Structure formats: structure tokens, C-alpha cells
Amino acid sequence: MEKQTIQPFLSVANYHLIEQQMNKLLNAYNTTKDRNVLLAVKGLVETEIEKNIQPSDVQLTVIEQLYKMKDRTQAELYLESLKPFVIPFKKVTTSNLKSLFKKEKKLKLPNIESIDFRHICYFTWHDASTHRKYIVVEQQGKLKAIKGQVEANTIKGICAICHHHSDVSLFTTTKKGKAIDTFKKHSNYICSDSESCNRNIADYTRVNDFFERVTE
């Protein structure tokens, strides 16, 4: 079967997983010539990818090219060739955002045209004038949203979304409580650089877990 006939089957998180595992493989080739070590790393990479993606035999013909990567230039070309097989994040429009955040009287919208939806596991933007951060996730084909206050200062820590160590800022959401005039707050440290955060996500359940935690 020709590669062009294979339908998109990789989530954005799957794509990031492949990129991360590819980097492990390249690092091994750059640091050792020991054949046994290289075979061991390759085996671990194969196991991690096939466990998380579980490709069909046809899809495997696309993925298995990864295991042949030995230099950065070759690897970058391979990653580019994977993009047609990525299922992008659900397209976001200005109308979507206005509907999701309809209670915001002065909603400052981001430049949507600059976003490559094949690279994001969640959509977000920051309004520096109000210190508000807006986050949109996709669950079962539907867009859901949260907003919160984000502190300007950053510290080194673990991001509550991607679980990587990076520069993080405190993000606080506020939700009405069950009793009248009561509110429930959730504060989490998340990456100050959301683009980097998205690249770190190789398991979409982390995004869902974060969203469910701050909206419970």
C-alpha cells in the first residue's frame, strides 16, 4: 500500500512521543558505538512507541522508518514526512472563543492564523494586560475551556500539565461553589512557555487530567 493512501492516525501527542523517542535514539548514536547499547535503546524506543500508539501493520510501515534514523538532518526530514498523518487539534475560530468565554466582556482574542494545529495538544493564550490565561481543550470532539489568573514571576518547577521541569508560573482558577456566594480555587504551576509545554506532551491524558482537576 502506498504511503499516501494511509489515513491520518497519529494524535498530536503521538507525534510528540515519536519526536521524543527519536531524540533518545539520536542521542545514543551520538554518545556510544557499543552495538549492544544501541540495540537496547532501539528496543526500548520500539516498545514505548508501539505500546502507546498501537499501530496497525500498515501504519507501522510509516512509524518503523524512525528506527533507521542516525543523524539529525535525516530525522528532521522524517518528522516532516509524518505531518500528513497527524490528526490536528480541533480547529478553533474566533466565534468558538467568543462562545466559550461569553461571560468575558472585554475578551482580547489571540492571532489564530499563526497557530499550527498539528503541533498543539491544547490551545491557550495569555492577556498580559489582565494577567489572564485562557486554555481550550478538546474532549470527545468538543471544545471546552477554562480561564485563570497567572502570576508574572516564574520559578523552576514541574508543570502540572506536561509534567516536565521548566520555568513555571502559578495559574489560579476560580469556580463557584455549591453553596451560595462561595468559590473554589485551584492553583497549579504550569509552563510559562505554552508552546514548549505543548511540545512536551506525549500523553494526552495529562491534559485531560489537568482540566478535570481544575474544573471539579
N, C-alpha and C. Protein backbone atom coordinates (compact mmCIF):
# COMPACT_ATOMS: atom_id res chain seq x y z
N MET A 1 0.85 -1.20 0.00
CA MET A 1 0.00 0.00 0.00
C MET A 1 0.88 1.25 0.00
N GLU A 2 0.52 2.18 -0.84
CA GLU A 2 1.29 3.40 -0.91
C GLU A 2 1.08 4.24 0.35
N LYS A 3 2.14 4.95 0.78
CA LYS A 3 2.07 5.76 1.98
C LYS A 3 0.95 6.79 1.91
N GLN A 4 0.73 7.35 0.69
CA GLN A 4 -0.25 8.42 0.54
C GLN A 4 -1.68 7.96 0.84
N THR A 5 -1.94 6.63 0.77
CA THR A 5 -3.30 6.14 0.99
C THR A 5 -3.60 5.92 2.47
N ILE A 6 -2.60 6.00 3.33
CA ILE A 6 -2.80 5.79 4.76
C ILE A 6 -3.45 7.05 5.36
N GLN A 7 -4.55 6.86 6.03
CA GLN A 7 -5.27 7.98 6.63
C GLN A 7 -4.54 8.48 7.87
N PRO A 8 -4.73 9.76 8.24
CA PRO A 8 -4.12 10.28 9.48
C PRO A 8 -4.50 9.40 10.66
N PHE A 9 -3.51 9.03 11.47
CA PHE A 9 -3.77 8.12 12.59
C PHE A 9 -3.02 8.52 13.86
N LEU A 10 -2.17 9.54 13.76
CA LEU A 10 -1.38 9.97 14.92
C LEU A 10 -2.03 11.18 15.59
N SER A 11 -2.21 11.10 16.90
CA SER A 11 -2.64 12.31 17.63
C SER A 11 -1.43 13.23 17.72
N VAL A 12 -1.65 14.46 18.09
CA VAL A 12 -0.53 15.39 18.26
C VAL A 12 0.42 14.87 19.33
N ALA A 13 -0.14 14.29 20.39
CA ALA A 13 0.68 13.72 21.47
C ALA A 13 1.51 12.55 20.94
N ASN A 14 0.93 11.75 20.04
CA ASN A 14 1.67 10.65 19.42
C ASN A 14 2.87 11.18 18.65
N TYR A 15 2.65 12.27 17.92
CA TYR A 15 3.72 12.89 17.13
C TYR A 15 4.86 13.35 18.06
N HIS A 16 4.49 13.97 19.17
CA HIS A 16 5.49 14.42 20.13
C HIS A 16 6.23 13.23 20.75
N LEU A 17 5.50 12.15 20.99
CA LEU A 17 6.13 10.94 21.53
C LEU A 17 7.19 10.42 20.57
N ILE A 18 6.85 10.36 19.29
CA ILE A 18 7.79 9.89 18.28
C ILE A 18 9.02 10.79 18.25
N GLU A 19 8.78 12.10 18.32
CA GLU A 19 9.91 13.05 18.31
C GLU A 19 10.80 12.84 19.52
N GLN A 20 10.21 12.66 20.69
CA GLN A 20 11.00 12.46 21.91
C GLN A 20 11.78 11.15 21.87
N GLN A 21 11.15 10.09 21.38
CA GLN A 21 11.84 8.81 21.29
C GLN A 21 12.94 8.84 20.23
N MET A 22 12.70 9.59 19.17
CA MET A 22 13.72 9.76 18.14
C MET A 22 14.95 10.44 18.71
N ASN A 23 14.72 11.44 19.57
CA ASN A 23 15.84 12.15 20.19
C ASN A 23 16.66 11.21 21.09
N LYS A 24 15.98 10.27 21.74
CA LYS A 24 16.69 9.29 22.56
C LYS A 24 17.61 8.44 21.68
N LEU A 25 17.07 8.05 20.53
CA LEU A 25 17.83 7.22 19.61
C LEU A 25 19.04 7.98 19.05
N LEU A 26 18.82 9.23 18.66
CA LEU A 26 19.92 10.04 18.12
C LEU A 26 20.99 10.29 19.19
N ASN A 27 20.55 10.52 20.40
CA ASN A 27 21.50 10.75 21.49
C ASN A 27 22.37 9.52 21.72
N ALA A 28 21.77 8.34 21.59
CA ALA A 28 22.53 7.11 21.76
C ALA A 28 23.59 6.97 20.67
N TYR A 29 23.21 7.27 19.44
CA TYR A 29 24.17 7.18 18.34
C TYR A 29 25.29 8.21 18.47
N ASN A 30 24.98 9.33 19.12
CA ASN A 30 25.98 10.40 19.28
C ASN A 30 26.91 10.17 20.46
N THR A 31 26.54 9.26 21.36
CA THR A 31 27.34 9.10 22.58
C THR A 31 28.02 7.74 22.71
N THR A 32 27.64 6.77 21.88
CA THR A 32 28.28 5.45 22.00
C THR A 32 28.35 4.74 20.66
N LYS A 33 29.32 3.85 20.56
CA LYS A 33 29.45 3.00 19.38
C LYS A 33 29.16 1.54 19.75
N ASP A 34 28.84 1.33 21.02
CA ASP A 34 28.59 -0.02 21.52
C ASP A 34 27.31 -0.57 20.90
N ARG A 35 27.44 -1.62 20.11
CA ARG A 35 26.29 -2.17 19.39
C ARG A 35 25.21 -2.68 20.34
N ASN A 36 25.60 -3.28 21.42
CA ASN A 36 24.63 -3.80 22.38
C ASN A 36 23.82 -2.68 23.03
N VAL A 37 24.50 -1.59 23.34
CA VAL A 37 23.80 -0.43 23.93
C VAL A 37 22.82 0.15 22.93
N LEU A 38 23.24 0.28 21.68
CA LEU A 38 22.38 0.84 20.63
C LEU A 38 21.15 -0.04 20.40
N LEU A 39 21.36 -1.34 20.40
CA LEU A 39 20.24 -2.26 20.22
C LEU A 39 19.27 -2.19 21.39
N ALA A 40 19.82 -2.00 22.59
CA ALA A 40 18.98 -1.90 23.78
C ALA A 40 18.12 -0.64 23.73
N VAL A 41 18.73 0.48 23.35
CA VAL A 41 18.00 1.74 23.25
C VAL A 41 16.92 1.63 22.17
N LYS A 42 17.30 1.06 21.04
CA LYS A 42 16.35 0.89 19.94
C LYS A 42 15.16 0.04 20.40
N GLY A 43 15.44 -1.01 21.17
CA GLY A 43 14.37 -1.87 21.67
C GLY A 43 13.43 -1.14 22.60
N LEU A 44 13.99 -0.31 23.46
CA LEU A 44 13.17 0.48 24.38
C LEU A 44 12.30 1.48 23.63
N VAL A 45 12.88 2.10 22.61
CA VAL A 45 12.14 3.07 21.80
C VAL A 45 10.98 2.38 21.09
N GLU A 46 11.24 1.24 20.49
CA GLU A 46 10.19 0.49 19.79
C GLU A 46 9.06 0.10 20.75
N THR A 47 9.43 -0.37 21.93
CA THR A 47 8.43 -0.78 22.92
C THR A 47 7.57 0.39 23.35
N GLU A 48 8.20 1.52 23.61
CA GLU A 48 7.47 2.72 24.07
C GLU A 48 6.49 3.20 23.01
N ILE A 49 6.91 3.23 21.78
CA ILE A 49 6.06 3.72 20.71
C ILE A 49 4.91 2.76 20.41
N GLU A 50 5.21 1.50 20.29
CA GLU A 50 4.16 0.54 19.94
C GLU A 50 3.17 0.35 21.09
N LYS A 51 3.63 0.52 22.32
CA LYS A 51 2.73 0.41 23.48
C LYS A 51 1.75 1.57 23.52
N ASN A 52 2.21 2.78 23.21
CA ASN A 52 1.37 3.97 23.32
C ASN A 52 0.56 4.27 22.07
N ILE A 53 1.07 3.90 20.91
CA ILE A 53 0.36 4.19 19.67
C ILE A 53 -0.43 2.99 19.17
N GLN A 54 0.11 1.80 19.37
CA GLN A 54 -0.53 0.55 18.93
C GLN A 54 -0.93 0.62 17.45
N PRO A 55 0.04 0.83 16.58
CA PRO A 55 -0.27 0.98 15.15
C PRO A 55 -0.68 -0.33 14.50
N SER A 56 -1.47 -0.22 13.45
CA SER A 56 -1.80 -1.39 12.65
C SER A 56 -0.56 -1.74 11.82
N ASP A 57 -0.61 -2.87 11.13
CA ASP A 57 0.54 -3.28 10.31
C ASP A 57 0.85 -2.24 9.24
N VAL A 58 -0.19 -1.66 8.66
CA VAL A 58 0.01 -0.66 7.62
C VAL A 58 0.60 0.62 8.20
N GLN A 59 0.07 1.04 9.34
CA GLN A 59 0.59 2.25 10.00
C GLN A 59 2.02 2.06 10.47
N LEU A 60 2.35 0.82 10.82
CA LEU A 60 3.70 0.52 11.28
C LEU A 60 4.74 0.77 10.19
N THR A 61 4.34 0.66 8.94
CA THR A 61 5.28 0.90 7.84
C THR A 61 5.73 2.37 7.83
N VAL A 62 4.88 3.24 8.35
CA VAL A 62 5.25 4.65 8.45
C VAL A 62 6.16 4.88 9.66
N ILE A 63 5.77 4.30 10.80
CA ILE A 63 6.49 4.52 12.05
C ILE A 63 7.87 3.86 12.06
N GLU A 64 7.97 2.68 11.50
CA GLU A 64 9.23 1.93 11.62
C GLU A 64 10.41 2.60 10.92
N GLN A 65 10.14 3.58 10.08
CA GLN A 65 11.24 4.32 9.47
C GLN A 65 12.06 5.06 10.53
N LEU A 66 11.42 5.35 11.64
CA LEU A 66 12.09 6.03 12.76
C LEU A 66 13.31 5.26 13.23
N TYR A 67 13.20 3.94 13.27
CA TYR A 67 14.26 3.12 13.84
C TYR A 67 15.54 3.10 13.00
N LYS A 68 15.46 3.70 11.81
CA LYS A 68 16.63 3.79 10.94
C LYS A 68 17.37 5.12 11.08
N MET A 69 16.79 6.05 11.85
CA MET A 69 17.38 7.37 11.99
C MET A 69 18.72 7.34 12.73
N LYS A 70 19.73 7.99 12.14
CA LYS A 70 21.05 8.02 12.78
C LYS A 70 21.65 9.42 12.83
N ASP A 71 21.05 10.39 12.12
CA ASP A 71 21.56 11.75 12.18
C ASP A 71 20.41 12.75 12.17
N ARG A 72 20.68 13.95 12.64
CA ARG A 72 19.66 14.97 12.85
C ARG A 72 18.96 15.39 11.56
N THR A 73 19.71 15.58 10.49
CA THR A 73 19.11 16.01 9.22
C THR A 73 18.11 14.99 8.72
N GLN A 74 18.50 13.74 8.75
CA GLN A 74 17.63 12.65 8.33
C GLN A 74 16.37 12.60 9.20
N ALA A 75 16.56 12.80 10.50
CA ALA A 75 15.45 12.76 11.44
C ALA A 75 14.45 13.89 11.21
N GLU A 76 14.95 15.08 10.93
CA GLU A 76 14.07 16.23 10.69
C GLU A 76 13.22 16.00 9.44
N LEU A 77 13.82 15.42 8.42
CA LEU A 77 13.07 15.12 7.20
C LEU A 77 11.99 14.08 7.49
N TYR A 78 12.32 13.12 8.34
CA TYR A 78 11.34 12.09 8.70
C TYR A 78 10.16 12.71 9.45
N LEU A 79 10.45 13.59 10.42
CA LEU A 79 9.38 14.24 11.18
C LEU A 79 8.46 15.04 10.26
N GLU A 80 9.06 15.69 9.29
CA GLU A 80 8.27 16.47 8.32
C GLU A 80 7.35 15.54 7.52
N SER A 81 7.87 14.36 7.19
CA SER A 81 7.08 13.41 6.40
C SER A 81 5.90 12.82 7.20
N LEU A 82 5.97 12.92 8.53
CA LEU A 82 4.89 12.39 9.38
C LEU A 82 3.68 13.33 9.47
N LYS A 83 3.88 14.59 9.19
CA LYS A 83 2.82 15.58 9.41
C LYS A 83 1.50 15.26 8.71
N PRO A 84 1.52 14.70 7.49
CA PRO A 84 0.24 14.36 6.85
C PRO A 84 -0.55 13.29 7.61
N PHE A 85 0.10 12.57 8.51
CA PHE A 85 -0.55 11.50 9.25
C PHE A 85 -1.03 11.95 10.63
N VAL A 86 -0.85 13.23 10.93
CA VAL A 86 -1.25 13.75 12.25
C VAL A 86 -2.68 14.28 12.21
N ILE A 87 -3.47 13.85 13.19
CA ILE A 87 -4.82 14.38 13.35
C ILE A 87 -4.69 15.66 14.19
N PRO A 88 -4.92 16.83 13.61
CA PRO A 88 -4.69 18.07 14.34
C PRO A 88 -5.70 18.34 15.44
N PHE A 89 -5.34 19.22 16.33
CA PHE A 89 -6.27 19.71 17.36
C PHE A 89 -7.47 20.31 16.63
N LYS A 90 -8.64 20.15 17.18
CA LYS A 90 -9.87 20.67 16.57
C LYS A 90 -9.72 22.16 16.25
N LYS A 91 -10.06 22.52 15.02
CA LYS A 91 -9.90 23.90 14.58
C LYS A 91 -10.67 24.88 15.47
N VAL A 92 -9.98 25.91 15.92
CA VAL A 92 -10.57 26.94 16.77
C VAL A 92 -10.82 28.19 15.94
N THR A 93 -11.96 28.80 16.10
CA THR A 93 -12.29 30.05 15.41
C THR A 93 -12.57 31.15 16.43
N THR A 94 -12.59 32.38 15.97
CA THR A 94 -12.91 33.49 16.87
C THR A 94 -14.33 33.33 17.42
N SER A 95 -15.22 32.77 16.61
CA SER A 95 -16.59 32.54 17.05
C SER A 95 -16.61 31.52 18.19
N ASN A 96 -15.80 30.46 18.06
CA ASN A 96 -15.68 29.45 19.12
C ASN A 96 -15.26 30.11 20.42
N LEU A 97 -14.22 30.92 20.35
CA LEU A 97 -13.66 31.53 21.55
C LEU A 97 -14.64 32.47 22.22
N LYS A 98 -15.35 33.25 21.42
CA LYS A 98 -16.35 34.16 21.99
C LYS A 98 -17.46 33.39 22.69
N SER A 99 -17.80 32.23 22.14
CA SER A 99 -18.84 31.40 22.73
C SER A 99 -18.35 30.72 24.01
N LEU A 100 -17.10 30.25 23.99
CA LEU A 100 -16.53 29.56 25.14
C LEU A 100 -16.32 30.49 26.32
N PHE A 101 -16.00 31.75 26.01
CA PHE A 101 -15.74 32.74 27.06
C PHE A 101 -16.74 33.89 26.96
N LYS A 102 -18.01 33.54 26.80
CA LYS A 102 -19.05 34.55 26.56
C LYS A 102 -19.27 35.49 27.75
N LYS A 103 -18.82 35.11 28.94
CA LYS A 103 -19.00 35.98 30.10
C LYS A 103 -17.90 37.05 30.19
N GLU A 104 -16.88 36.91 29.35
CA GLU A 104 -15.81 37.90 29.32
C GLU A 104 -16.25 39.11 28.51
N LYS A 105 -16.37 40.25 29.17
CA LYS A 105 -16.88 41.44 28.48
C LYS A 105 -15.85 42.05 27.52
N LYS A 106 -14.60 41.98 27.88
CA LYS A 106 -13.55 42.56 27.03
C LYS A 106 -12.52 41.49 26.70
N LEU A 107 -12.96 40.49 25.98
CA LEU A 107 -12.09 39.37 25.62
C LEU A 107 -11.12 39.79 24.52
N LYS A 108 -9.85 39.71 24.84
CA LYS A 108 -8.81 40.04 23.86
C LYS A 108 -8.40 38.75 23.16
N LEU A 109 -8.76 38.63 21.89
CA LEU A 109 -8.56 37.39 21.16
C LEU A 109 -7.13 37.27 20.62
N PRO A 110 -6.64 36.05 20.52
CA PRO A 110 -5.28 35.82 20.00
C PRO A 110 -5.28 35.77 18.47
N ASN A 111 -4.10 35.72 17.89
CA ASN A 111 -3.96 35.59 16.44
C ASN A 111 -4.03 34.11 16.08
N ILE A 112 -5.21 33.64 15.74
CA ILE A 112 -5.43 32.22 15.46
C ILE A 112 -4.70 31.78 14.20
N GLU A 113 -4.56 32.67 13.23
CA GLU A 113 -3.96 32.30 11.95
C GLU A 113 -2.52 31.84 12.11
N SER A 114 -1.86 32.23 13.18
CA SER A 114 -0.45 31.87 13.36
C SER A 114 -0.27 30.49 14.01
N ILE A 115 -1.38 29.84 14.37
CA ILE A 115 -1.30 28.56 15.09
C ILE A 115 -1.29 27.38 14.13
N ASP A 116 -0.33 26.47 14.34
CA ASP A 116 -0.29 25.23 13.59
C ASP A 116 -0.96 24.17 14.48
N PHE A 117 -2.19 23.80 14.15
CA PHE A 117 -2.98 22.90 15.00
C PHE A 117 -2.47 21.46 14.99
N ARG A 118 -1.45 21.19 14.14
CA ARG A 118 -0.84 19.86 14.14
C ARG A 118 0.20 19.72 15.24
N HIS A 119 0.45 20.81 15.96
CA HIS A 119 1.50 20.78 16.98
C HIS A 119 1.00 21.06 18.39
N ILE A 120 -0.29 21.27 18.57
CA ILE A 120 -0.78 21.60 19.90
C ILE A 120 -1.73 20.54 20.45
N CYS A 121 -1.58 20.27 21.74
CA CYS A 121 -2.48 19.34 22.45
C CYS A 121 -3.55 20.13 23.21
N TYR A 122 -3.30 21.40 23.39
CA TYR A 122 -4.31 22.30 23.94
C TYR A 122 -4.03 23.69 23.40
N PHE A 123 -5.07 24.51 23.31
CA PHE A 123 -4.96 25.86 22.76
C PHE A 123 -4.97 26.84 23.92
N THR A 124 -4.07 27.80 23.90
CA THR A 124 -4.02 28.76 25.01
C THR A 124 -3.47 30.10 24.56
N TRP A 125 -3.84 31.11 25.30
CA TRP A 125 -3.20 32.41 25.10
C TRP A 125 -3.27 33.20 26.41
N HIS A 126 -2.42 34.21 26.48
CA HIS A 126 -2.26 34.99 27.71
C HIS A 126 -2.51 36.46 27.41
N ASP A 127 -3.40 37.06 28.18
CA ASP A 127 -3.65 38.50 28.07
C ASP A 127 -2.82 39.19 29.15
N ALA A 128 -1.69 39.73 28.75
CA ALA A 128 -0.75 40.34 29.70
C ALA A 128 -1.36 41.53 30.43
N SER A 129 -2.30 42.23 29.80
CA SER A 129 -2.88 43.42 30.42
C SER A 129 -3.76 43.09 31.63
N THR A 130 -4.33 41.89 31.63
CA THR A 130 -5.21 41.49 32.74
C THR A 130 -4.63 40.32 33.54
N HIS A 131 -3.47 39.81 33.08
CA HIS A 131 -2.83 38.64 33.71
C HIS A 131 -3.74 37.41 33.68
N ARG A 132 -4.55 37.34 32.64
CA ARG A 132 -5.44 36.19 32.50
C ARG A 132 -4.89 35.23 31.44
N LYS A 133 -5.02 33.96 31.74
CA LYS A 133 -4.62 32.93 30.79
C LYS A 133 -5.85 32.12 30.44
N TYR A 134 -6.05 31.90 29.16
CA TYR A 134 -7.20 31.16 28.67
C TYR A 134 -6.72 29.83 28.08
N ILE A 135 -7.39 28.74 28.43
CA ILE A 135 -7.00 27.42 27.97
C ILE A 135 -8.21 26.70 27.37
N VAL A 136 -8.02 26.15 26.17
CA VAL A 136 -9.07 25.41 25.49
C VAL A 136 -8.56 23.99 25.24
N VAL A 137 -9.36 23.00 25.63
CA VAL A 137 -9.01 21.60 25.40
C VAL A 137 -10.08 20.95 24.53
N GLU A 138 -9.72 19.81 23.96
CA GLU A 138 -10.68 19.06 23.15
C GLU A 138 -10.99 17.76 23.85
N GLN A 139 -12.28 17.52 24.09
CA GLN A 139 -12.71 16.28 24.72
C GLN A 139 -13.86 15.70 23.93
N GLN A 140 -13.65 14.51 23.40
CA GLN A 140 -14.67 13.80 22.61
C GLN A 140 -15.20 14.68 21.47
N GLY A 141 -14.27 15.36 20.82
CA GLY A 141 -14.62 16.18 19.65
C GLY A 141 -15.21 17.53 19.97
N LYS A 142 -15.34 17.86 21.27
CA LYS A 142 -15.91 19.15 21.65
C LYS A 142 -14.85 20.01 22.35
N LEU A 143 -14.95 21.32 22.15
CA LEU A 143 -14.03 22.25 22.78
C LEU A 143 -14.57 22.67 24.14
N LYS A 144 -13.70 22.62 25.15
CA LYS A 144 -14.06 23.06 26.49
C LYS A 144 -13.00 24.03 26.97
N ALA A 145 -13.38 24.92 27.87
CA ALA A 145 -12.45 26.00 28.22
C ALA A 145 -12.40 26.33 29.70
N ILE A 146 -11.27 26.87 30.10
CA ILE A 146 -11.08 27.39 31.45
C ILE A 146 -10.26 28.67 31.35
N LYS A 147 -10.39 29.51 32.36
CA LYS A 147 -9.57 30.72 32.41
C LYS A 147 -9.08 30.89 33.83
N GLY A 148 -8.01 31.65 33.98
CA GLY A 148 -7.49 31.88 35.32
C GLY A 148 -6.49 33.01 35.33
N GLN A 149 -6.07 33.38 36.53
CA GLN A 149 -5.06 34.41 36.70
C GLN A 149 -3.69 33.74 36.73
N VAL A 150 -2.74 34.33 36.05
CA VAL A 150 -1.39 33.78 36.04
C VAL A 150 -0.41 34.83 36.55
N GLU A 151 0.45 34.42 37.45
CA GLU A 151 1.42 35.36 38.01
C GLU A 151 2.52 35.64 37.01
N ALA A 152 3.04 36.87 37.06
CA ALA A 152 4.07 37.29 36.11
C ALA A 152 5.42 36.64 36.38
N ASN A 153 5.72 36.42 37.67
CA ASN A 153 7.03 35.86 38.01
C ASN A 153 7.05 34.35 37.78
N THR A 154 8.23 33.83 37.47
CA THR A 154 8.39 32.40 37.22
C THR A 154 9.41 31.79 38.18
N ILE A 155 9.28 30.50 38.38
CA ILE A 155 10.25 29.75 39.17
C ILE A 155 10.55 28.45 38.41
N LYS A 156 11.56 27.74 38.84
CA LYS A 156 11.84 26.43 38.26
C LYS A 156 10.97 25.40 38.98
N GLY A 157 10.27 24.59 38.23
CA GLY A 157 9.42 23.60 38.86
C GLY A 157 8.82 22.64 37.85
N ILE A 158 7.94 21.77 38.32
CA ILE A 158 7.27 20.78 37.47
C ILE A 158 5.92 21.32 37.01
N CYS A 159 5.70 21.30 35.72
CA CYS A 159 4.43 21.78 35.16
C CYS A 159 3.31 20.78 35.44
N ALA A 160 2.17 21.29 35.88
CA ALA A 160 1.02 20.43 36.20
C ALA A 160 0.36 19.86 34.95
N ILE A 161 0.70 20.40 33.78
CA ILE A 161 0.10 19.89 32.54
C ILE A 161 1.01 18.87 31.86
N CYS A 162 2.23 19.28 31.53
CA CYS A 162 3.12 18.38 30.78
C CYS A 162 4.01 17.52 31.68
N HIS A 163 4.11 17.88 32.96
CA HIS A 163 4.91 17.14 33.95
C HIS A 163 6.42 17.24 33.71
N HIS A 164 6.85 18.24 32.94
CA HIS A 164 8.28 18.45 32.72
C HIS A 164 8.80 19.55 33.64
N HIS A 165 10.09 19.52 33.90
CA HIS A 165 10.73 20.55 34.71
C HIS A 165 11.05 21.74 33.80
N SER A 166 10.56 22.91 34.18
CA SER A 166 10.75 24.09 33.34
C SER A 166 10.50 25.36 34.15
N ASP A 167 10.48 26.49 33.46
CA ASP A 167 10.08 27.75 34.09
C ASP A 167 8.56 27.74 34.19
N VAL A 168 8.06 27.81 35.40
CA VAL A 168 6.61 27.73 35.60
C VAL A 168 6.07 28.95 36.33
N SER A 169 4.79 29.22 36.10
CA SER A 169 4.09 30.33 36.76
C SER A 169 2.85 29.78 37.44
N LEU A 170 2.44 30.43 38.51
CA LEU A 170 1.26 29.98 39.24
C LEU A 170 -0.01 30.39 38.50
N PHE A 171 -0.83 29.40 38.18
CA PHE A 171 -2.09 29.60 37.45
C PHE A 171 -3.24 29.26 38.38
N THR A 172 -4.14 30.22 38.62
CA THR A 172 -5.22 30.03 39.58
C THR A 172 -6.58 30.21 38.91
N THR A 173 -7.42 29.18 39.04
CA THR A 173 -8.77 29.24 38.50
C THR A 173 -9.76 29.38 39.67
N THR A 174 -10.87 30.01 39.39
CA THR A 174 -11.91 30.20 40.41
C THR A 174 -13.24 29.72 39.88
N LYS A 175 -13.91 28.88 40.68
CA LYS A 175 -15.19 28.32 40.27
C LYS A 175 -16.20 28.49 41.40
N LYS A 176 -17.45 28.75 41.03
CA LYS A 176 -18.49 28.90 42.04
C LYS A 176 -18.66 27.60 42.82
N GLY A 177 -18.80 27.73 44.15
CA GLY A 177 -19.01 26.57 44.99
C GLY A 177 -20.46 26.15 44.99
N LYS A 178 -20.74 25.06 45.67
CA LYS A 178 -22.12 24.56 45.72
C LYS A 178 -23.00 25.45 46.59
N ALA A 179 -22.40 26.03 47.62
CA ALA A 179 -23.17 26.94 48.49
C ALA A 179 -23.18 28.34 47.89
N ILE A 180 -24.20 29.10 48.19
CA ILE A 180 -24.34 30.46 47.67
C ILE A 180 -23.18 31.34 48.14
N ASP A 181 -22.66 32.13 47.20
CA ASP A 181 -21.58 33.09 47.48
C ASP A 181 -20.28 32.41 47.95
N THR A 182 -20.09 31.18 47.57
CA THR A 182 -18.82 30.51 47.88
C THR A 182 -18.08 30.20 46.58
N PHE A 183 -16.77 30.14 46.68
CA PHE A 183 -15.95 29.90 45.49
C PHE A 183 -14.86 28.87 45.82
N LYS A 184 -14.50 28.14 44.80
CA LYS A 184 -13.45 27.14 44.94
C LYS A 184 -12.29 27.50 44.02
N LYS A 185 -11.10 27.56 44.60
CA LYS A 185 -9.93 27.93 43.81
C LYS A 185 -8.98 26.75 43.65
N HIS A 186 -8.38 26.71 42.47
CA HIS A 186 -7.34 25.72 42.19
C HIS A 186 -6.11 26.47 41.71
N SER A 187 -4.98 26.22 42.34
CA SER A 187 -3.73 26.86 41.93
C SER A 187 -2.72 25.78 41.52
N ASN A 188 -2.17 25.94 40.34
CA ASN A 188 -1.20 24.98 39.81
C ASN A 188 -0.07 25.73 39.12
N TYR A 189 1.12 25.18 39.22
CA TYR A 189 2.24 25.74 38.46
C TYR A 189 2.25 25.09 37.08
N ILE A 190 2.21 25.94 36.05
CA ILE A 190 2.25 25.44 34.68
C ILE A 190 3.34 26.18 33.90
N CYS A 191 3.76 25.61 32.80
CA CYS A 191 4.82 26.21 31.99
C CYS A 191 4.47 27.65 31.60
N SER A 192 5.43 28.54 31.76
CA SER A 192 5.21 29.92 31.32
C SER A 192 5.26 30.01 29.80
N ASP A 193 5.94 29.05 29.18
CA ASP A 193 6.02 28.99 27.72
C ASP A 193 5.09 27.87 27.26
N SER A 194 3.89 28.23 26.82
CA SER A 194 2.89 27.22 26.45
C SER A 194 3.27 26.46 25.18
N GLU A 195 4.05 27.09 24.32
CA GLU A 195 4.48 26.40 23.10
C GLU A 195 5.40 25.23 23.47
N SER A 196 6.33 25.49 24.38
CA SER A 196 7.22 24.45 24.86
C SER A 196 6.44 23.38 25.60
N CYS A 197 5.46 23.80 26.39
CA CYS A 197 4.62 22.86 27.14
C CYS A 197 3.92 21.90 26.20
N ASN A 198 3.35 22.43 25.13
CA ASN A 198 2.66 21.59 24.16
C ASN A 198 3.60 20.57 23.53
N ARG A 199 4.82 20.98 23.24
CA ARG A 199 5.80 20.07 22.64
C ARG A 199 6.18 18.94 23.60
N ASN A 200 6.09 19.22 24.89
CA ASN A 200 6.47 18.22 25.89
C ASN A 200 5.43 17.13 26.08
N ILE A 201 4.21 17.37 25.64
CA ILE A 201 3.11 16.44 25.91
C ILE A 201 3.13 15.27 24.93
N ALA A 202 3.40 14.09 25.47
CA ALA A 202 3.41 12.88 24.65
C ALA A 202 2.29 11.93 25.07
N ASP A 203 1.47 12.38 26.01
CA ASP A 203 0.35 11.58 26.50
C ASP A 203 -0.81 12.54 26.77
N TYR A 204 -1.85 12.48 25.93
CA TYR A 204 -2.94 13.45 26.03
C TYR A 204 -3.74 13.34 27.32
N THR A 205 -3.65 12.19 28.00
CA THR A 205 -4.40 12.05 29.25
C THR A 205 -3.94 13.07 30.28
N ARG A 206 -2.71 13.55 30.15
CA ARG A 206 -2.22 14.56 31.10
C ARG A 206 -3.00 15.87 30.98
N VAL A 207 -3.36 16.21 29.75
CA VAL A 207 -4.16 17.43 29.53
C VAL A 207 -5.55 17.24 30.11
N ASN A 208 -6.16 16.09 29.83
CA ASN A 208 -7.50 15.81 30.36
C ASN A 208 -7.52 15.77 31.88
N ASP A 209 -6.50 15.15 32.46
CA ASP A 209 -6.42 15.06 33.92
C ASP A 209 -6.33 16.44 34.54
N PHE A 210 -5.52 17.32 33.95
CA PHE A 210 -5.38 18.68 34.45
C PHE A 210 -6.72 19.41 34.36
N PHE A 211 -7.38 19.31 33.22
CA PHE A 211 -8.65 20.01 33.03
C PHE A 211 -9.70 19.53 34.02
N GLU A 212 -9.79 18.22 34.19
CA GLU A 212 -10.78 17.67 35.12
C GLU A 212 -10.48 18.10 36.56
N ARG A 213 -9.20 18.19 36.89
CA ARG A 213 -8.80 18.56 38.26
C ARG A 213 -9.19 20.00 38.58
N VAL A 214 -8.98 20.91 37.65
CA VAL A 214 -9.25 22.32 37.95
C VAL A 214 -10.70 22.72 37.73
N THR A 215 -11.50 21.81 37.18
CA THR A 215 -12.92 22.13 36.96
C THR A 215 -13.85 21.29 37.83
N GLU A 216 -13.27 20.48 38.71
CA GLU A 216 -14.12 19.61 39.55
C GLU A 216 -14.91 20.42 40.57
